[in-house]
Amino acid sequence: GFNEYGDINTVTVHIRRIREKIEADPSKPEYIKTVWGVGYKFDQKANESGD
């Protein structure tokens, strides 16, 4: 059967692992933002150097 909690937890774990790899400080993410009630958003502006 469908286990909604397990599926949501799986996404959360994957996002956490990605943040650990790409963020300078995963507890204060700059690239992958959490949009409460919606999901996640990649902020490419954090990756721009300003040139």
PDB file of N, CA and C in Angstrom:
ATOM      1  N   GLY A   1       0.811  -1.190   0.000  1.00  0.00           N
ATOM      2  CA  GLY A   1       0.000   0.000   0.000  1.00  0.00           C
ATOM      3  C   GLY A   1       0.855   1.255   0.000  1.00  0.00           C
ATOM      4  N   PHE A   2       0.196   2.357  -0.104  1.00  0.00           N
ATOM      5  CA  PHE A   2       0.831   3.673  -0.161  1.00  0.00           C
ATOM      6  C   PHE A   2       1.089   4.176   1.250  1.00  0.00           C
ATOM      7  N   ASN A   3       2.317   4.517   1.549  1.00  0.00           N
ATOM      8  CA  ASN A   3       2.695   5.035   2.855  1.00  0.00           C
ATOM      9  C   ASN A   3       3.163   6.469   2.671  1.00  0.00           C
ATOM     10  N   GLU A   4       2.236   7.413   2.828  1.00  0.00           N
ATOM     11  CA  GLU A   4       2.541   8.824   2.575  1.00  0.00           C
ATOM     12  C   GLU A   4       3.671   9.332   3.463  1.00  0.00           C
ATOM     13  N   TYR A   5       3.677   8.981   4.742  1.00  0.00           N
ATOM     14  CA  TYR A   5       4.724   9.449   5.642  1.00  0.00           C
ATOM     15  C   TYR A   5       6.085   8.951   5.185  1.00  0.00           C
ATOM     16  N   GLY A   6       6.171   7.697   4.801  1.00  0.00           N
ATOM     17  CA  GLY A   6       7.435   7.142   4.330  1.00  0.00           C
ATOM     18  C   GLY A   6       7.924   7.831   3.079  1.00  0.00           C
ATOM     19  N   ASP A   7       7.023   8.140   2.156  1.00  0.00           N
ATOM     20  CA  ASP A   7       7.403   8.812   0.920  1.00  0.00           C
ATOM     21  C   ASP A   7       7.899  10.231   1.192  1.00  0.00           C
ATOM     22  N   ILE A   8       7.227  10.947   2.075  1.00  0.00           N
ATOM     23  CA  ILE A   8       7.650  12.306   2.426  1.00  0.00           C
ATOM     24  C   ILE A   8       9.007  12.253   3.129  1.00  0.00           C
ATOM     25  N   ASN A   9       9.182  11.304   4.020  1.00  0.00           N
ATOM     26  CA  ASN A   9      10.445  11.167   4.739  1.00  0.00           C
ATOM     27  C   ASN A   9      11.587  10.857   3.777  1.00  0.00           C
ATOM     28  N   THR A  10      11.324  10.053   2.756  1.00  0.00           N
ATOM     29  CA  THR A  10      12.348   9.718   1.766  1.00  0.00           C
ATOM     30  C   THR A  10      12.834  10.975   1.051  1.00  0.00           C
ATOM     31  N   VAL A  11      11.922  11.843   0.658  1.00  0.00           N
ATOM     32  CA  VAL A  11      12.294  13.095  -0.014  1.00  0.00           C
ATOM     33  C   VAL A  11      13.122  13.956   0.930  1.00  0.00           C
ATOM     34  N   THR A  12      12.702  14.067   2.174  1.00  0.00           N
ATOM     35  CA  THR A  12      13.418  14.869   3.164  1.00  0.00           C
ATOM     36  C   THR A  12      14.848  14.377   3.348  1.00  0.00           C
ATOM     37  N   VAL A  13      15.027  13.071   3.418  1.00  0.00           N
ATOM     38  CA  VAL A  13      16.360  12.491   3.589  1.00  0.00           C
ATOM     39  C   VAL A  13      17.228  12.789   2.372  1.00  0.00           C
ATOM     40  N   HIS A  14      16.684  12.657   1.176  1.00  0.00           N
ATOM     41  CA  HIS A  14      17.458  12.940  -0.034  1.00  0.00           C
ATOM     42  C   HIS A  14      17.854  14.417  -0.108  1.00  0.00           C
ATOM     43  N   ILE A  15      16.944  15.315   0.219  1.00  0.00           N
ATOM     44  CA  ILE A  15      17.255  16.752   0.219  1.00  0.00           C
ATOM     45  C   ILE A  15      18.353  17.045   1.237  1.00  0.00           C
ATOM     46  N   ARG A  16      18.273  16.439   2.417  1.00  0.00           N
ATOM     47  CA  ARG A  16      19.306  16.641   3.441  1.00  0.00           C
ATOM     48  C   ARG A  16      20.669  16.190   2.933  1.00  0.00           C
ATOM     49  N   ARG A  17      20.710  15.038   2.275  1.00  0.00           N
ATOM     50  CA  ARG A  17      21.983  14.522   1.762  1.00  0.00           C
ATOM     51  C   ARG A  17      22.537  15.403   0.648  1.00  0.00           C
ATOM     52  N   ILE A  18      21.680  15.910  -0.209  1.00  0.00           N
ATOM     53  CA  ILE A  18      22.131  16.819  -1.274  1.00  0.00           C
ATOM     54  C   ILE A  18      22.680  18.099  -0.653  1.00  0.00           C
ATOM     55  N   ARG A  19      21.960  18.641   0.336  1.00  0.00           N
ATOM     56  CA  ARG A  19      22.430  19.855   1.012  1.00  0.00           C
ATOM     57  C   ARG A  19      23.795  19.644   1.652  1.00  0.00           C
ATOM     58  N   GLU A  20      24.015  18.483   2.247  1.00  0.00           N
ATOM     59  CA  GLU A  20      25.316  18.194   2.868  1.00  0.00           C
ATOM     60  C   GLU A  20      26.439  18.226   1.845  1.00  0.00           C
ATOM     61  N   LYS A  21      26.125  17.911   0.598  1.00  0.00           N
ATOM     62  CA  LYS A  21      27.145  17.882  -0.448  1.00  0.00           C
ATOM     63  C   LYS A  21      27.379  19.237  -1.100  1.00  0.00           C
ATOM     64  N   ILE A  22      26.342  20.075  -1.227  1.00  0.00           N
ATOM     65  CA  ILE A  22      26.499  21.308  -2.008  1.00  0.00           C
ATOM     66  C   ILE A  22      26.495  22.592  -1.185  1.00  0.00           C
ATOM     67  N   GLU A  23      25.987  22.542   0.030  1.00  0.00           N
ATOM     68  CA  GLU A  23      25.885  23.762   0.830  1.00  0.00           C
ATOM     69  C   GLU A  23      27.131  23.956   1.694  1.00  0.00           C
ATOM     70  N   ALA A  24      27.553  25.200   1.855  1.00  0.00           N
ATOM     71  CA  ALA A  24      28.651  25.506   2.772  1.00  0.00           C
ATOM     72  C   ALA A  24      28.219  25.205   4.211  1.00  0.00           C
ATOM     73  N   ASP A  25      26.981  25.570   4.549  1.00  0.00           N
ATOM     74  CA  ASP A  25      26.402  25.286   5.867  1.00  0.00           C
ATOM     75  C   ASP A  25      25.007  24.707   5.639  1.00  0.00           C
ATOM     76  N   PRO A  26      24.869  23.381   5.661  1.00  0.00           N
ATOM     77  CA  PRO A  26      23.573  22.753   5.377  1.00  0.00           C
ATOM     78  C   PRO A  26      22.442  23.195   6.309  1.00  0.00           C
ATOM     79  N   SER A  27      22.768  23.688   7.503  1.00  0.00           N
ATOM     80  CA  SER A  27      21.716  24.140   8.415  1.00  0.00           C
ATOM     81  C   SER A  27      21.157  25.506   8.007  1.00  0.00           C
ATOM     82  N   LYS A  28      21.881  26.201   7.105  1.00  0.00           N
ATOM     83  CA  LYS A  28      21.421  27.489   6.566  1.00  0.00           C
ATOM     84  C   LYS A  28      21.550  27.436   5.045  1.00  0.00           C
ATOM     85  N   PRO A  29      20.671  26.677   4.396  1.00  0.00           N
ATOM     86  CA  PRO A  29      20.808  26.444   2.958  1.00  0.00           C
ATOM     87  C   PRO A  29      20.654  27.710   2.121  1.00  0.00           C
ATOM     88  N   GLU A  30      21.502  27.826   1.106  1.00  0.00           N
ATOM     89  CA  GLU A  30      21.434  28.937   0.159  1.00  0.00           C
ATOM     90  C   GLU A  30      20.903  28.479  -1.192  1.00  0.00           C
ATOM     91  N   TYR A  31      21.151  27.223  -1.550  1.00  0.00           N
ATOM     92  CA  TYR A  31      20.778  26.718  -2.867  1.00  0.00           C
ATOM     93  C   TYR A  31      19.412  26.044  -2.884  1.00  0.00           C
ATOM     94  N   ILE A  32      19.177  25.119  -1.965  1.00  0.00           N
ATOM     95  CA  ILE A  32      17.902  24.409  -1.929  1.00  0.00           C
ATOM     96  C   ILE A  32      17.100  24.958  -0.759  1.00  0.00           C
ATOM     97  N   LYS A  33      16.093  25.753  -1.082  1.00  0.00           N
ATOM     98  CA  LYS A  33      15.253  26.393  -0.077  1.00  0.00           C
ATOM     99  C   LYS A  33      14.006  25.552   0.165  1.00  0.00           C
ATOM    100  N   THR A  34      13.549  25.531   1.408  1.00  0.00           N
ATOM    101  CA  THR A  34      12.291  24.882   1.743  1.00  0.00           C
ATOM    102  C   THR A  34      11.187  25.916   1.608  1.00  0.00           C
ATOM    103  N   VAL A  35      10.159  25.589   0.834  1.00  0.00           N
ATOM    104  CA  VAL A  35       8.984  26.444   0.691  1.00  0.00           C
ATOM    105  C   VAL A  35       7.864  25.732   1.447  1.00  0.00           C
ATOM    106  N   TRP A  36       7.607  26.175   2.674  1.00  0.00           N
ATOM    107  CA  TRP A  36       6.659  25.483   3.543  1.00  0.00           C
ATOM    108  C   TRP A  36       5.286  25.412   2.904  1.00  0.00           C
ATOM    109  N   GLY A  37       4.709  24.223   2.937  1.00  0.00           N
ATOM    110  CA  GLY A  37       3.388  23.980   2.372  1.00  0.00           C
ATOM    111  C   GLY A  37       3.414  23.705   0.883  1.00  0.00           C
ATOM    112  N   VAL A  38       4.604  23.832   0.252  1.00  0.00           N
ATOM    113  CA  VAL A  38       4.723  23.633  -1.192  1.00  0.00           C
ATOM    114  C   VAL A  38       5.745  22.552  -1.509  1.00  0.00           C
ATOM    115  N   GLY A  39       6.983  22.736  -1.042  1.00  0.00           N
ATOM    116  CA  GLY A  39       8.040  21.767  -1.339  1.00  0.00           C
ATOM    117  C   GLY A  39       9.404  22.421  -1.256  1.00  0.00           C
ATOM    118  N   TYR A  40      10.202  22.237  -2.288  1.00  0.00           N
ATOM    119  CA  TYR A  40      11.568  22.763  -2.315  1.00  0.00           C
ATOM    120  C   TYR A  40      11.785  23.590  -3.567  1.00  0.00           C
ATOM    121  N   LYS A  41      12.736  24.522  -3.482  1.00  0.00           N
ATOM    122  CA  LYS A  41      13.049  25.401  -4.608  1.00  0.00           C
ATOM    123  C   LYS A  41      14.564  25.534  -4.702  1.00  0.00           C
ATOM    124  N   PHE A  42      15.097  25.380  -5.915  1.00  0.00           N
ATOM    125  CA  PHE A  42      16.524  25.593  -6.135  1.00  0.00           C
ATOM    126  C   PHE A  42      16.736  27.060  -6.452  1.00  0.00           C
ATOM    127  N   ASP A  43      17.598  27.717  -5.699  1.00  0.00           N
ATOM    128  CA  ASP A  43      17.880  29.138  -5.892  1.00  0.00           C
ATOM    129  C   ASP A  43      19.204  29.282  -6.624  1.00  0.00           C
ATOM    130  N   GLN A  44      19.145  29.424  -7.941  1.00  0.00           N
ATOM    131  CA  GLN A  44      20.376  29.519  -8.721  1.00  0.00           C
ATOM    132  C   GLN A  44      21.067  30.860  -8.528  1.00  0.00           C
ATOM    133  N   LYS A  45      20.382  31.863  -8.004  1.00  0.00           N
ATOM    134  CA  LYS A  45      21.014  33.156  -7.737  1.00  0.00           C
ATOM    135  C   LYS A  45      22.156  33.006  -6.739  1.00  0.00           C
ATOM    136  N   ALA A  46      22.035  32.062  -5.824  1.00  0.00           N
ATOM    137  CA  ALA A  46      23.097  31.817  -4.846  1.00  0.00           C
ATOM    138  C   ALA A  46      24.359  31.319  -5.530  1.00  0.00           C
ATOM    139  N   ASN A  47      24.225  30.798  -6.742  1.00  0.00           N
ATOM    140  CA  ASN A  47      25.347  30.229  -7.489  1.00  0.00           C
ATOM    141  C   ASN A  47      26.014  31.257  -8.405  1.00  0.00           C
ATOM    142  N   GLU A  48      25.374  32.409  -8.615  1.00  0.00           N
ATOM    143  CA  GLU A  48      25.924  33.416  -9.522  1.00  0.00           C
ATOM    144  C   GLU A  48      27.020  34.208  -8.825  1.00  0.00           C
ATOM    145  N   SER A  49      28.065  34.527  -9.563  1.00  0.00           N
ATOM    146  CA  SER A  49      29.196  35.246  -8.978  1.00  0.00           C
ATOM    147  C   SER A  49      29.047  36.759  -9.061  1.00  0.00           C
ATOM    148  N   GLY A  50      28.035  37.239  -9.787  1.00  0.00           N
ATOM    149  CA  GLY A  50      27.824  38.667  -9.905  1.00  0.00           C
ATOM    150  C   GLY A  50      28.552  39.310 -11.062  1.00  0.00           C
ATOM    151  N   ASP A  51      29.135  38.523 -11.932  1.00  0.00           N
ATOM    152  CA  ASP A  51      29.855  39.062 -13.093  1.00  0.00           C
ATOM    153  C   ASP A  51      28.899  39.485 -14.181  1.00  0.00           C
TER     154      ASP A  51
END
